[in-house]
Amino acid sequence: MRDIKKAGSAWVVRATGIAAACTAAIGLFSTGAANADTFVPLPDGHVVNPGVTIDSVGNSVNISPSLAANGAGRVAWLSTHITANVTTPPGTVGPNNGPINNPGTNNSSTHGASTMSVGYVVGCQVALGALTAGVSGEISTTPTLSGSLSLPLAPGQVKWVNYDQKDMTTSGVYHFDMQDQEVTVQGCAGYAQARQVVTVEIVGPDYTKTTLYGMPFSLG
C-alpha cells in the first residue's frame, strides 16, 4: 500500500511492506531457536552535490529463517526514510526517447525528466562493496511497493530491485518512506548481500547525477 501526497513542491511517498536482510546480529527476538528473528539497524547515509542533498535515515533490516528451511532461502523486512532536497529547478520534462522497457534505460537521460529513484542491489555470492557486478546482473526496473517481493538468485547473480521512481518537475523536498517491506531470496545456497542505492538525476542547463550508496549488508 502506498500514499503519495504533494504539498507545495514536496512529494511524500509512504509504503507498507518489502525488505532485504542483514549481516551482524544486533537485536534478537525469539520464540525459540528455530523461529529467531534478527533485527539489525543500518547506518544513515548523506551525500551533497550541487543542487541536491540526499539523506537516508532510519534504516534497518529484520531477518527471519526461511520457512522452506532448505539453506537456500532468506526472508527479511526492510525499513528506510529517504529525503532528497532539490534546490536546482529541474528542466522541462521531455519525450521518452530511449528504448522502451529495456533494463536500465528508464532514467532522466532517456526520457527527459529529472528523477528520483530508490532501489537495492541484491547479489548471491557476490561482494557488493564496490557495486562492480551490478551492471552485469538481471535488472528489474518496474517499481514495486505492495505485497512481498520474491527474488530467485543463482550463485554469482545480481539483481537490481527498483522500489520507486518518480519524475521531479519542481524544486523542493521529496520523501520516500518504506516500513517493514518483505523480500524473499530463493535459490541462493551461498552468502547473499544487498545494498541500498538512491539516485537523483537533474536535467536542464546544468545536468547532475547524484547517487547515495548504503552500506552493504549480508542476507545470511
N, C-alpha and C. Protein backbone atom coordinates (compact mmCIF):
# COMPACT_ATOMS: atom_id res chain seq x y z
N MET A 1 0.85 -1.18 0.00
CA MET A 1 0.00 0.00 0.00
C MET A 1 0.88 1.23 0.00
N ARG A 2 0.51 2.27 -0.73
CA ARG A 2 1.29 3.48 -0.66
C ARG A 2 0.41 4.69 -0.79
N ASP A 3 0.86 5.78 -0.21
CA ASP A 3 0.11 7.01 -0.20
C ASP A 3 1.04 8.11 -0.69
N ILE A 4 0.72 8.71 -1.82
CA ILE A 4 1.58 9.72 -2.40
C ILE A 4 0.89 11.07 -2.28
N LYS A 5 1.57 12.05 -1.69
CA LYS A 5 0.99 13.37 -1.49
C LYS A 5 1.96 14.43 -1.96
N LYS A 6 1.43 15.56 -2.43
CA LYS A 6 2.25 16.69 -2.77
C LYS A 6 1.75 17.91 -2.04
N ALA A 7 2.67 18.55 -1.27
CA ALA A 7 2.32 19.77 -0.57
C ALA A 7 3.29 20.84 -1.05
N GLY A 8 2.80 21.80 -1.83
CA GLY A 8 3.69 22.78 -2.44
C GLY A 8 4.54 22.08 -3.46
N SER A 9 5.86 22.06 -3.24
CA SER A 9 6.76 21.40 -4.17
C SER A 9 7.27 20.08 -3.63
N ALA A 10 6.68 19.57 -2.57
CA ALA A 10 7.19 18.35 -1.94
C ALA A 10 6.27 17.18 -2.20
N TRP A 11 6.87 16.08 -2.57
CA TRP A 11 6.14 14.82 -2.70
C TRP A 11 6.42 13.98 -1.47
N VAL A 12 5.42 13.29 -0.98
CA VAL A 12 5.60 12.37 0.13
C VAL A 12 5.11 11.01 -0.30
N VAL A 13 5.97 10.02 -0.20
CA VAL A 13 5.61 8.66 -0.59
C VAL A 13 5.67 7.78 0.63
N ARG A 14 4.58 7.11 0.91
CA ARG A 14 4.56 6.20 2.05
C ARG A 14 4.28 4.80 1.53
N ALA A 15 5.07 3.85 2.00
CA ALA A 15 4.90 2.48 1.55
C ALA A 15 4.81 1.57 2.74
N THR A 16 4.07 0.48 2.57
CA THR A 16 3.98 -0.50 3.64
C THR A 16 4.29 -1.86 3.04
N GLY A 17 5.22 -2.46 3.40
CA GLY A 17 5.54 -3.82 3.03
C GLY A 17 6.95 -4.21 2.65
N ILE A 18 8.05 -4.30 1.77
CA ILE A 18 9.19 -5.08 1.25
C ILE A 18 10.47 -5.11 2.12
N ALA A 19 11.45 -5.87 1.78
CA ALA A 19 12.69 -5.81 2.55
C ALA A 19 13.84 -6.57 1.95
N ALA A 20 14.99 -6.49 2.59
CA ALA A 20 16.16 -7.29 2.29
C ALA A 20 16.86 -7.49 3.61
N ALA A 21 18.02 -8.10 3.77
CA ALA A 21 18.41 -8.56 5.09
C ALA A 21 19.82 -8.26 5.50
N CYS A 22 20.40 -8.91 6.49
CA CYS A 22 21.45 -8.28 7.25
C CYS A 22 22.69 -9.10 7.48
N THR A 23 23.61 -8.55 8.28
CA THR A 23 24.86 -9.26 8.49
C THR A 23 25.13 -9.58 9.95
N ALA A 24 25.23 -8.62 10.85
CA ALA A 24 25.52 -8.90 12.25
C ALA A 24 24.24 -8.91 13.05
N ALA A 25 24.22 -9.71 14.09
CA ALA A 25 23.01 -9.79 14.92
C ALA A 25 23.11 -8.75 16.02
N ILE A 26 22.33 -7.67 15.88
CA ILE A 26 22.34 -6.63 16.89
C ILE A 26 21.25 -6.88 17.91
N GLY A 27 20.05 -7.12 17.43
CA GLY A 27 18.95 -7.41 18.34
C GLY A 27 18.37 -8.77 17.99
N LEU A 28 17.90 -9.50 18.92
CA LEU A 28 17.37 -10.83 18.65
C LEU A 28 16.03 -10.99 19.34
N PHE A 29 15.01 -11.33 18.53
CA PHE A 29 13.69 -11.56 19.07
C PHE A 29 13.33 -12.99 18.77
N SER A 30 13.10 -13.80 19.77
CA SER A 30 12.97 -15.23 19.54
C SER A 30 11.84 -15.82 20.37
N THR A 31 11.12 -16.73 19.71
CA THR A 31 10.17 -17.57 20.44
C THR A 31 10.65 -19.01 20.42
N GLY A 32 11.96 -19.14 20.26
CA GLY A 32 12.57 -20.46 20.13
C GLY A 32 13.65 -20.36 19.09
N ALA A 33 14.68 -21.17 19.20
CA ALA A 33 15.83 -21.05 18.32
C ALA A 33 15.45 -21.19 16.86
N ALA A 34 14.46 -22.04 16.57
CA ALA A 34 14.11 -22.28 15.17
C ALA A 34 13.34 -21.13 14.58
N ASN A 35 12.79 -20.25 15.42
CA ASN A 35 11.97 -19.16 14.91
C ASN A 35 12.57 -17.79 15.22
N ALA A 36 13.89 -17.74 15.44
CA ALA A 36 14.52 -16.49 15.83
C ALA A 36 14.56 -15.50 14.69
N ASP A 37 14.20 -14.25 14.99
CA ASP A 37 14.36 -13.15 14.05
C ASP A 37 15.54 -12.31 14.50
N THR A 38 16.27 -11.76 13.54
CA THR A 38 17.43 -10.94 13.84
C THR A 38 17.20 -9.53 13.34
N PHE A 39 17.19 -8.55 14.26
CA PHE A 39 17.00 -7.15 13.90
C PHE A 39 18.35 -6.46 13.83
N VAL A 40 18.63 -5.78 12.74
CA VAL A 40 19.91 -5.11 12.56
C VAL A 40 19.68 -3.67 12.10
N PRO A 41 20.04 -2.68 12.92
CA PRO A 41 19.99 -1.29 12.45
C PRO A 41 21.14 -1.03 11.49
N LEU A 42 20.88 -0.25 10.46
CA LEU A 42 21.89 0.08 9.46
C LEU A 42 22.21 1.58 9.56
N PRO A 43 23.44 1.98 9.20
CA PRO A 43 23.83 3.38 9.37
C PRO A 43 23.10 4.32 8.42
N ASP A 44 23.03 5.59 8.83
CA ASP A 44 22.46 6.63 7.98
C ASP A 44 23.40 6.92 6.82
N GLY A 45 22.83 7.53 5.77
CA GLY A 45 23.63 7.94 4.62
C GLY A 45 23.38 9.40 4.29
N HIS A 46 24.40 10.08 3.76
CA HIS A 46 24.29 11.50 3.44
C HIS A 46 25.24 11.83 2.30
N VAL A 47 24.73 12.54 1.29
CA VAL A 47 25.58 12.97 0.19
C VAL A 47 25.08 14.32 -0.32
N VAL A 48 26.03 15.19 -0.69
CA VAL A 48 25.70 16.52 -1.19
C VAL A 48 26.35 16.72 -2.55
N ASN A 49 25.59 17.27 -3.49
CA ASN A 49 26.08 17.60 -4.81
C ASN A 49 25.43 18.93 -5.18
N PRO A 50 26.01 19.70 -6.09
CA PRO A 50 25.38 20.96 -6.46
C PRO A 50 23.91 20.77 -6.85
N GLY A 51 23.03 21.43 -6.11
CA GLY A 51 21.61 21.38 -6.43
C GLY A 51 20.81 20.31 -5.73
N VAL A 52 21.46 19.40 -5.00
CA VAL A 52 20.71 18.32 -4.35
C VAL A 52 21.45 17.79 -3.13
N THR A 53 20.69 17.48 -2.08
CA THR A 53 21.21 16.80 -0.89
C THR A 53 20.32 15.59 -0.63
N ILE A 54 20.94 14.41 -0.47
CA ILE A 54 20.20 13.18 -0.23
C ILE A 54 20.55 12.64 1.15
N ASP A 55 19.53 12.30 1.93
CA ASP A 55 19.72 11.69 3.24
C ASP A 55 18.90 10.41 3.32
N SER A 56 19.51 9.38 3.90
CA SER A 56 18.82 8.11 4.13
C SER A 56 18.97 7.78 5.61
N VAL A 57 17.84 7.77 6.35
CA VAL A 57 17.88 7.56 7.80
C VAL A 57 16.86 6.50 8.18
N GLY A 58 16.95 6.07 9.44
CA GLY A 58 16.00 5.07 9.93
C GLY A 58 16.10 3.74 9.21
N ASN A 59 17.30 3.40 8.76
CA ASN A 59 17.50 2.16 8.01
C ASN A 59 17.65 0.97 8.95
N SER A 60 16.94 -0.09 8.63
CA SER A 60 17.06 -1.31 9.43
C SER A 60 16.61 -2.51 8.63
N VAL A 61 17.01 -3.67 9.10
CA VAL A 61 16.65 -4.94 8.48
C VAL A 61 16.27 -5.92 9.58
N ASN A 62 15.20 -6.65 9.37
CA ASN A 62 14.79 -7.71 10.29
C ASN A 62 14.75 -9.01 9.50
N ILE A 63 15.58 -9.97 9.88
CA ILE A 63 15.75 -11.21 9.12
C ILE A 63 15.11 -12.37 9.84
N SER A 64 14.43 -13.20 9.06
CA SER A 64 13.79 -14.40 9.61
C SER A 64 14.30 -15.63 8.88
N PRO A 65 14.35 -16.77 9.55
CA PRO A 65 14.68 -18.01 8.85
C PRO A 65 13.62 -18.30 7.80
N SER A 66 14.05 -18.79 6.64
CA SER A 66 13.10 -19.14 5.60
C SER A 66 12.25 -20.31 6.02
N LEU A 67 10.95 -20.24 5.72
CA LEU A 67 10.07 -21.35 6.04
C LEU A 67 10.40 -22.60 5.23
N ALA A 68 11.10 -22.40 4.09
CA ALA A 68 11.49 -23.55 3.28
C ALA A 68 12.52 -24.41 4.00
N ALA A 69 13.33 -23.78 4.86
CA ALA A 69 14.33 -24.50 5.67
C ALA A 69 15.24 -25.37 4.82
N ASN A 70 15.63 -24.85 3.65
CA ASN A 70 16.48 -25.64 2.75
C ASN A 70 17.88 -25.06 2.61
N GLY A 71 18.19 -24.00 3.36
CA GLY A 71 19.52 -23.40 3.31
C GLY A 71 19.73 -22.48 2.13
N ALA A 72 18.77 -22.38 1.22
CA ALA A 72 18.92 -21.55 0.02
C ALA A 72 17.93 -20.40 0.00
N GLY A 73 17.19 -20.20 1.10
CA GLY A 73 16.20 -19.14 1.13
C GLY A 73 16.38 -18.22 2.32
N ARG A 74 16.03 -16.95 2.13
CA ARG A 74 16.07 -15.96 3.20
C ARG A 74 14.81 -15.11 3.13
N VAL A 75 14.34 -14.67 4.28
CA VAL A 75 13.19 -13.77 4.36
C VAL A 75 13.58 -12.60 5.25
N ALA A 76 13.29 -11.37 4.79
CA ALA A 76 13.67 -10.20 5.58
C ALA A 76 12.70 -9.06 5.32
N TRP A 77 12.72 -8.10 6.25
CA TRP A 77 11.87 -6.91 6.16
C TRP A 77 12.76 -5.68 6.27
N LEU A 78 12.54 -4.73 5.37
CA LEU A 78 13.40 -3.56 5.27
C LEU A 78 12.62 -2.28 5.57
N SER A 79 13.27 -1.36 6.28
CA SER A 79 12.68 -0.05 6.58
C SER A 79 13.69 1.04 6.25
N THR A 80 13.19 2.18 5.72
CA THR A 80 14.07 3.30 5.40
C THR A 80 13.25 4.57 5.26
N HIS A 81 13.89 5.70 5.46
CA HIS A 81 13.29 7.01 5.15
C HIS A 81 14.31 7.82 4.38
N ILE A 82 13.94 8.26 3.18
CA ILE A 82 14.86 8.96 2.30
C ILE A 82 14.30 10.35 2.00
N THR A 83 15.19 11.34 2.05
CA THR A 83 14.83 12.72 1.72
C THR A 83 15.80 13.25 0.66
N ALA A 84 15.25 13.82 -0.39
CA ALA A 84 16.06 14.49 -1.41
C ALA A 84 15.64 15.94 -1.47
N ASN A 85 16.55 16.83 -1.11
CA ASN A 85 16.30 18.27 -1.14
C ASN A 85 16.89 18.83 -2.42
N VAL A 86 16.01 19.17 -3.36
CA VAL A 86 16.43 19.63 -4.68
C VAL A 86 16.29 21.15 -4.73
N THR A 87 17.41 21.85 -4.87
CA THR A 87 17.38 23.31 -4.92
C THR A 87 17.54 23.86 -6.33
N THR A 88 18.06 23.05 -7.24
CA THR A 88 18.18 23.47 -8.64
C THR A 88 16.88 23.17 -9.36
N PRO A 89 16.24 24.17 -9.96
CA PRO A 89 14.98 23.89 -10.69
C PRO A 89 15.23 22.89 -11.81
N PRO A 90 14.52 21.75 -11.79
CA PRO A 90 14.71 20.76 -12.85
C PRO A 90 14.29 21.29 -14.21
N GLY A 91 14.84 20.72 -15.27
CA GLY A 91 14.49 21.12 -16.62
C GLY A 91 13.10 20.64 -17.00
N THR A 92 12.63 21.09 -18.12
CA THR A 92 11.30 20.73 -18.62
C THR A 92 11.26 19.25 -19.01
N VAL A 93 10.18 18.58 -18.62
CA VAL A 93 10.01 17.17 -18.97
C VAL A 93 9.90 17.03 -20.47
N GLY A 94 10.68 16.14 -21.03
CA GLY A 94 10.66 15.92 -22.47
C GLY A 94 10.14 14.55 -22.83
N PRO A 95 10.17 14.19 -24.11
CA PRO A 95 9.66 12.88 -24.54
C PRO A 95 10.62 11.77 -24.13
N ASN A 96 10.07 10.56 -24.06
CA ASN A 96 10.88 9.39 -23.77
C ASN A 96 11.49 8.90 -25.07
N ASN A 97 12.78 9.21 -25.25
CA ASN A 97 13.46 8.85 -26.49
C ASN A 97 14.29 7.58 -26.37
N GLY A 98 14.30 6.98 -25.20
CA GLY A 98 15.11 5.79 -25.00
C GLY A 98 14.37 4.52 -25.35
N PRO A 99 15.06 3.38 -25.34
CA PRO A 99 14.42 2.09 -25.59
C PRO A 99 13.31 1.85 -24.59
N ILE A 100 12.24 1.25 -25.01
CA ILE A 100 11.08 1.02 -24.16
C ILE A 100 11.23 -0.31 -23.42
N ASN A 101 11.09 -0.24 -22.10
CA ASN A 101 11.08 -1.43 -21.24
C ASN A 101 12.38 -2.21 -21.25
N ASN A 102 13.47 -1.60 -21.66
CA ASN A 102 14.75 -2.29 -21.59
C ASN A 102 15.42 -2.00 -20.25
N PRO A 103 16.13 -2.97 -19.68
CA PRO A 103 16.73 -2.77 -18.36
C PRO A 103 17.67 -1.58 -18.31
N GLY A 104 17.50 -0.76 -17.28
CA GLY A 104 18.43 0.32 -17.03
C GLY A 104 18.28 1.54 -17.90
N THR A 105 17.23 1.62 -18.73
CA THR A 105 17.12 2.73 -19.67
C THR A 105 16.12 3.78 -19.25
N ASN A 106 15.31 3.50 -18.24
CA ASN A 106 14.27 4.46 -17.86
C ASN A 106 14.82 5.44 -16.83
N ASN A 107 15.70 6.31 -17.29
CA ASN A 107 16.23 7.35 -16.41
C ASN A 107 16.15 8.69 -17.12
N SER A 108 16.58 9.74 -16.45
CA SER A 108 16.36 11.07 -16.99
C SER A 108 17.13 11.32 -18.28
N SER A 109 18.22 10.59 -18.51
CA SER A 109 18.97 10.82 -19.73
C SER A 109 18.23 10.31 -20.96
N THR A 110 17.20 9.47 -20.76
CA THR A 110 16.47 8.96 -21.90
C THR A 110 15.05 9.48 -21.99
N HIS A 111 14.42 9.87 -20.88
CA HIS A 111 13.06 10.35 -21.03
C HIS A 111 12.88 11.82 -20.66
N GLY A 112 13.97 12.51 -20.41
CA GLY A 112 13.92 13.96 -20.37
C GLY A 112 13.47 14.60 -19.08
N ALA A 113 13.10 13.85 -18.08
CA ALA A 113 12.64 14.43 -16.82
C ALA A 113 13.66 14.17 -15.72
N SER A 114 13.76 15.11 -14.81
CA SER A 114 14.56 14.86 -13.61
C SER A 114 13.87 13.78 -12.80
N THR A 115 14.63 12.90 -12.19
CA THR A 115 14.05 11.75 -11.50
C THR A 115 14.72 11.50 -10.16
N MET A 116 13.95 10.87 -9.28
CA MET A 116 14.48 10.29 -8.05
C MET A 116 14.12 8.82 -8.06
N SER A 117 15.11 7.94 -7.90
CA SER A 117 14.85 6.51 -7.88
C SER A 117 15.45 5.90 -6.62
N VAL A 118 14.73 4.92 -6.07
CA VAL A 118 15.15 4.23 -4.85
C VAL A 118 15.13 2.73 -5.12
N GLY A 119 16.23 2.07 -4.85
CA GLY A 119 16.27 0.63 -5.07
C GLY A 119 17.37 -0.03 -4.29
N TYR A 120 17.50 -1.33 -4.50
CA TYR A 120 18.53 -2.13 -3.83
C TYR A 120 19.18 -3.04 -4.85
N VAL A 121 20.49 -3.19 -4.74
CA VAL A 121 21.21 -4.21 -5.47
C VAL A 121 21.30 -5.43 -4.56
N VAL A 122 20.89 -6.59 -5.08
CA VAL A 122 20.91 -7.83 -4.31
C VAL A 122 21.73 -8.86 -5.08
N GLY A 123 22.67 -9.50 -4.40
CA GLY A 123 23.53 -10.46 -5.07
C GLY A 123 23.73 -11.72 -4.27
N CYS A 124 24.01 -12.81 -4.97
CA CYS A 124 24.28 -14.10 -4.36
C CYS A 124 25.74 -14.48 -4.61
N GLN A 125 26.49 -14.66 -3.54
CA GLN A 125 27.92 -14.99 -3.61
C GLN A 125 28.68 -13.94 -4.41
N VAL A 126 28.30 -12.67 -4.25
CA VAL A 126 28.96 -11.55 -4.91
C VAL A 126 29.16 -10.46 -3.88
N ALA A 127 30.38 -9.92 -3.79
CA ALA A 127 30.64 -8.81 -2.87
C ALA A 127 30.17 -7.51 -3.52
N LEU A 128 29.25 -6.81 -2.86
CA LEU A 128 28.65 -5.62 -3.45
C LEU A 128 29.29 -4.33 -2.96
N GLY A 129 30.42 -4.41 -2.28
CA GLY A 129 31.04 -3.22 -1.73
C GLY A 129 31.34 -2.17 -2.76
N ALA A 130 31.83 -2.56 -3.94
CA ALA A 130 32.16 -1.61 -4.99
C ALA A 130 31.10 -1.54 -6.07
N LEU A 131 30.06 -2.37 -5.96
CA LEU A 131 28.97 -2.42 -6.95
C LEU A 131 29.47 -2.76 -8.35
N THR A 132 30.65 -3.38 -8.45
CA THR A 132 31.22 -3.65 -9.77
C THR A 132 30.42 -4.68 -10.54
N ALA A 133 29.69 -5.55 -9.83
CA ALA A 133 28.94 -6.60 -10.51
C ALA A 133 27.52 -6.17 -10.87
N GLY A 134 27.11 -5.00 -10.40
CA GLY A 134 25.73 -4.59 -10.57
C GLY A 134 25.29 -4.46 -12.01
N VAL A 135 26.20 -4.00 -12.89
CA VAL A 135 25.79 -3.74 -14.27
C VAL A 135 25.58 -5.01 -15.06
N SER A 136 26.11 -6.14 -14.61
CA SER A 136 26.01 -7.36 -15.38
C SER A 136 24.89 -8.28 -14.92
N GLY A 137 24.20 -7.90 -13.86
CA GLY A 137 23.15 -8.77 -13.34
C GLY A 137 21.81 -8.53 -13.99
N GLU A 138 20.85 -9.38 -13.69
CA GLU A 138 19.49 -9.18 -14.15
C GLU A 138 18.88 -8.00 -13.41
N ILE A 139 18.09 -7.19 -14.12
CA ILE A 139 17.58 -5.95 -13.56
C ILE A 139 16.07 -5.92 -13.65
N SER A 140 15.44 -5.53 -12.54
CA SER A 140 14.01 -5.29 -12.53
C SER A 140 13.78 -3.80 -12.42
N THR A 141 13.18 -3.17 -13.45
CA THR A 141 13.01 -1.73 -13.46
C THR A 141 11.59 -1.31 -13.12
N THR A 142 10.70 -2.27 -12.90
CA THR A 142 9.32 -1.95 -12.56
C THR A 142 9.20 -1.65 -11.08
N PRO A 143 8.82 -0.42 -10.71
CA PRO A 143 8.67 -0.12 -9.28
C PRO A 143 7.66 -1.04 -8.63
N THR A 144 7.99 -1.53 -7.43
CA THR A 144 7.09 -2.41 -6.71
C THR A 144 7.06 -2.03 -5.25
N LEU A 145 5.88 -1.68 -4.73
CA LEU A 145 5.78 -1.22 -3.35
C LEU A 145 4.67 -1.91 -2.59
N SER A 146 4.04 -2.91 -3.16
CA SER A 146 2.94 -3.57 -2.46
C SER A 146 3.20 -5.06 -2.37
N GLY A 147 2.76 -5.67 -1.26
CA GLY A 147 2.93 -7.09 -1.09
C GLY A 147 4.38 -7.45 -0.84
N SER A 148 4.71 -8.72 -1.03
CA SER A 148 6.07 -9.19 -0.83
C SER A 148 6.76 -9.37 -2.17
N LEU A 149 8.08 -9.35 -2.13
CA LEU A 149 8.88 -9.50 -3.35
C LEU A 149 9.74 -10.74 -3.22
N SER A 150 9.68 -11.62 -4.20
CA SER A 150 10.47 -12.85 -4.20
C SER A 150 11.52 -12.77 -5.30
N LEU A 151 12.79 -12.98 -4.94
CA LEU A 151 13.89 -12.90 -5.89
C LEU A 151 14.58 -14.25 -6.01
N PRO A 152 14.45 -14.94 -7.14
CA PRO A 152 15.27 -16.13 -7.36
C PRO A 152 16.68 -15.70 -7.76
N LEU A 153 17.68 -16.14 -7.02
CA LEU A 153 19.06 -15.74 -7.27
C LEU A 153 19.96 -16.96 -7.33
N ALA A 154 20.62 -17.15 -8.46
CA ALA A 154 21.61 -18.22 -8.58
C ALA A 154 22.96 -17.70 -8.11
N PRO A 155 23.89 -18.58 -7.73
CA PRO A 155 25.22 -18.14 -7.31
C PRO A 155 25.89 -17.28 -8.38
N GLY A 156 26.45 -16.14 -7.95
CA GLY A 156 27.10 -15.22 -8.87
C GLY A 156 26.16 -14.25 -9.56
N GLN A 157 24.89 -14.32 -9.25
CA GLN A 157 23.90 -13.49 -9.91
C GLN A 157 23.59 -12.24 -9.10
N VAL A 158 23.32 -11.14 -9.81
CA VAL A 158 22.98 -9.86 -9.18
C VAL A 158 21.69 -9.35 -9.78
N LYS A 159 20.81 -8.80 -8.93
CA LYS A 159 19.57 -8.19 -9.41
C LYS A 159 19.41 -6.80 -8.81
N TRP A 160 18.88 -5.90 -9.63
CA TRP A 160 18.55 -4.56 -9.18
C TRP A 160 17.05 -4.49 -8.98
N VAL A 161 16.64 -4.11 -7.78
CA VAL A 161 15.22 -4.01 -7.45
C VAL A 161 14.87 -2.53 -7.34
N ASN A 162 14.04 -2.03 -8.23
CA ASN A 162 13.64 -0.63 -8.23
C ASN A 162 12.33 -0.50 -7.47
N TYR A 163 12.39 0.02 -6.24
CA TYR A 163 11.19 0.13 -5.42
C TYR A 163 10.31 1.30 -5.84
N ASP A 164 10.92 2.39 -6.28
CA ASP A 164 10.11 3.53 -6.68
C ASP A 164 10.93 4.48 -7.54
N GLN A 165 10.26 5.12 -8.47
CA GLN A 165 10.90 6.15 -9.29
C GLN A 165 9.84 7.17 -9.66
N LYS A 166 10.19 8.45 -9.55
CA LYS A 166 9.22 9.49 -9.89
C LYS A 166 9.91 10.64 -10.60
N ASP A 167 9.17 11.29 -11.47
CA ASP A 167 9.66 12.50 -12.11
C ASP A 167 9.62 13.66 -11.13
N MET A 168 10.62 14.52 -11.20
CA MET A 168 10.66 15.72 -10.37
C MET A 168 10.55 16.93 -11.30
N THR A 169 9.43 17.59 -11.27
CA THR A 169 9.18 18.71 -12.17
C THR A 169 9.41 20.07 -11.53
N THR A 170 9.59 20.11 -10.20
CA THR A 170 9.86 21.36 -9.49
C THR A 170 10.93 21.12 -8.45
N SER A 171 11.57 22.19 -8.02
CA SER A 171 12.49 22.09 -6.88
C SER A 171 11.68 21.91 -5.61
N GLY A 172 12.32 21.40 -4.57
CA GLY A 172 11.62 21.16 -3.31
C GLY A 172 12.17 19.94 -2.60
N VAL A 173 11.45 19.45 -1.61
CA VAL A 173 11.88 18.31 -0.81
C VAL A 173 11.03 17.10 -1.16
N TYR A 174 11.67 16.02 -1.52
CA TYR A 174 10.99 14.78 -1.91
C TYR A 174 11.28 13.72 -0.86
N HIS A 175 10.23 12.97 -0.49
CA HIS A 175 10.36 11.95 0.56
C HIS A 175 9.99 10.58 0.02
N PHE A 176 10.68 9.58 0.53
CA PHE A 176 10.32 8.18 0.27
C PHE A 176 10.38 7.44 1.59
N ASP A 177 9.28 6.83 2.00
CA ASP A 177 9.21 6.07 3.25
C ASP A 177 8.87 4.61 2.96
N MET A 178 9.56 3.70 3.60
CA MET A 178 9.27 2.28 3.46
C MET A 178 9.41 1.63 4.83
N GLN A 179 8.38 0.92 5.25
CA GLN A 179 8.37 0.33 6.58
C GLN A 179 8.03 -1.16 6.50
N ASP A 180 8.95 -2.01 6.95
CA ASP A 180 8.73 -3.45 7.04
C ASP A 180 8.21 -4.05 5.74
N GLN A 181 8.87 -3.72 4.64
CA GLN A 181 8.56 -4.35 3.36
C GLN A 181 9.29 -5.69 3.28
N GLU A 182 8.60 -6.70 2.83
CA GLU A 182 9.14 -8.06 2.83
C GLU A 182 9.83 -8.39 1.51
N VAL A 183 10.98 -9.04 1.62
CA VAL A 183 11.67 -9.57 0.45
C VAL A 183 12.10 -11.00 0.77
N THR A 184 11.96 -11.86 -0.22
CA THR A 184 12.37 -13.26 -0.08
C THR A 184 13.39 -13.58 -1.16
N VAL A 185 14.52 -14.13 -0.76
CA VAL A 185 15.54 -14.57 -1.70
C VAL A 185 15.56 -16.09 -1.70
N GLN A 186 15.38 -16.67 -2.87
CA GLN A 186 15.34 -18.13 -3.01
C GLN A 186 16.41 -18.59 -4.00
N GLY A 187 16.92 -19.78 -3.77
CA GLY A 187 17.85 -20.40 -4.72
C GLY A 187 19.30 -20.04 -4.50
N CYS A 188 19.61 -19.23 -3.49
CA CYS A 188 20.99 -18.82 -3.23
C CYS A 188 21.56 -19.68 -2.11
N ALA A 189 22.36 -20.66 -2.47
CA ALA A 189 22.90 -21.58 -1.47
C ALA A 189 24.11 -21.00 -0.76
N GLY A 190 24.75 -19.98 -1.35
CA GLY A 190 25.90 -19.35 -0.71
C GLY A 190 25.49 -18.12 0.07
N TYR A 191 26.46 -17.21 0.31
CA TYR A 191 26.14 -15.99 1.03
C TYR A 191 25.45 -15.01 0.09
N ALA A 192 24.61 -14.16 0.64
CA ALA A 192 23.88 -13.16 -0.14
C ALA A 192 24.05 -11.80 0.51
N GLN A 193 24.11 -10.76 -0.32
CA GLN A 193 24.26 -9.40 0.15
C GLN A 193 23.25 -8.50 -0.53
N ALA A 194 23.02 -7.33 0.08
CA ALA A 194 22.19 -6.29 -0.54
C ALA A 194 22.78 -4.93 -0.20
N ARG A 195 22.39 -3.92 -0.98
CA ARG A 195 22.89 -2.56 -0.75
C ARG A 195 21.90 -1.56 -1.30
N GLN A 196 21.57 -0.55 -0.50
CA GLN A 196 20.63 0.48 -0.95
C GLN A 196 21.32 1.44 -1.92
N VAL A 197 20.58 1.84 -2.96
CA VAL A 197 21.08 2.81 -3.93
C VAL A 197 19.99 3.84 -4.20
N VAL A 198 20.29 5.11 -3.93
CA VAL A 198 19.35 6.21 -4.19
C VAL A 198 20.00 7.13 -5.22
N THR A 199 19.30 7.42 -6.31
CA THR A 199 19.85 8.25 -7.38
C THR A 199 18.92 9.40 -7.71
N VAL A 200 19.47 10.60 -7.77
CA VAL A 200 18.73 11.77 -8.22
C VAL A 200 19.44 12.34 -9.44
N GLU A 201 18.72 12.41 -10.56
CA GLU A 201 19.25 13.00 -11.79
C GLU A 201 18.48 14.27 -12.09
N ILE A 202 19.20 15.36 -12.28
CA ILE A 202 18.58 16.64 -12.58
C ILE A 202 19.00 17.05 -13.99
N VAL A 203 18.02 17.24 -14.86
CA VAL A 203 18.29 17.66 -16.23
C VAL A 203 18.02 19.15 -16.35
N GLY A 204 18.61 19.76 -17.35
CA GLY A 204 18.48 21.19 -17.55
C GLY A 204 19.80 21.76 -18.02
N PRO A 205 20.00 23.07 -17.89
CA PRO A 205 21.25 23.68 -18.34
C PRO A 205 22.48 23.06 -17.67
N ASP A 206 22.33 22.68 -16.39
CA ASP A 206 23.43 22.03 -15.66
C ASP A 206 22.96 20.66 -15.20
N TYR A 207 23.39 19.62 -15.93
CA TYR A 207 22.97 18.25 -15.61
C TYR A 207 23.79 17.71 -14.45
N THR A 208 23.13 17.11 -13.46
CA THR A 208 23.83 16.46 -12.36
C THR A 208 23.20 15.10 -12.09
N LYS A 209 24.03 14.17 -11.68
CA LYS A 209 23.57 12.86 -11.24
C LYS A 209 24.24 12.57 -9.91
N THR A 210 23.42 12.41 -8.88
CA THR A 210 23.92 12.20 -7.52
C THR A 210 23.43 10.85 -7.02
N THR A 211 24.34 10.02 -6.53
CA THR A 211 23.99 8.69 -6.06
C THR A 211 24.46 8.50 -4.63
N LEU A 212 23.56 8.01 -3.79
CA LEU A 212 23.88 7.67 -2.40
C LEU A 212 23.87 6.15 -2.27
N TYR A 213 25.02 5.59 -1.88
CA TYR A 213 25.14 4.15 -1.68
C TYR A 213 25.07 3.83 -0.19
N GLY A 214 24.18 2.91 0.18
CA GLY A 214 24.13 2.46 1.56
C GLY A 214 25.20 1.44 1.83
N MET A 215 25.43 1.15 3.10
CA MET A 215 26.41 0.14 3.48
C MET A 215 25.93 -1.24 3.05
N PRO A 216 26.78 -2.03 2.40
CA PRO A 216 26.38 -3.41 2.06
C PRO A 216 26.07 -4.20 3.33
N PHE A 217 25.06 -5.05 3.24
CA PHE A 217 24.72 -5.88 4.40
C PHE A 217 24.40 -7.29 3.94
N SER A 218 24.68 -8.23 4.79
CA SER A 218 24.50 -9.64 4.45
C SER A 218 23.06 -10.07 4.61
N LEU A 219 22.63 -10.96 3.75
CA LEU A 219 21.33 -11.61 3.86
C LEU A 219 21.47 -12.99 4.49
N GLY A 220 22.65 -13.34 4.90
CA GLY A 220 22.90 -14.63 5.52
C GLY A 220 23.61 -15.59 4.59
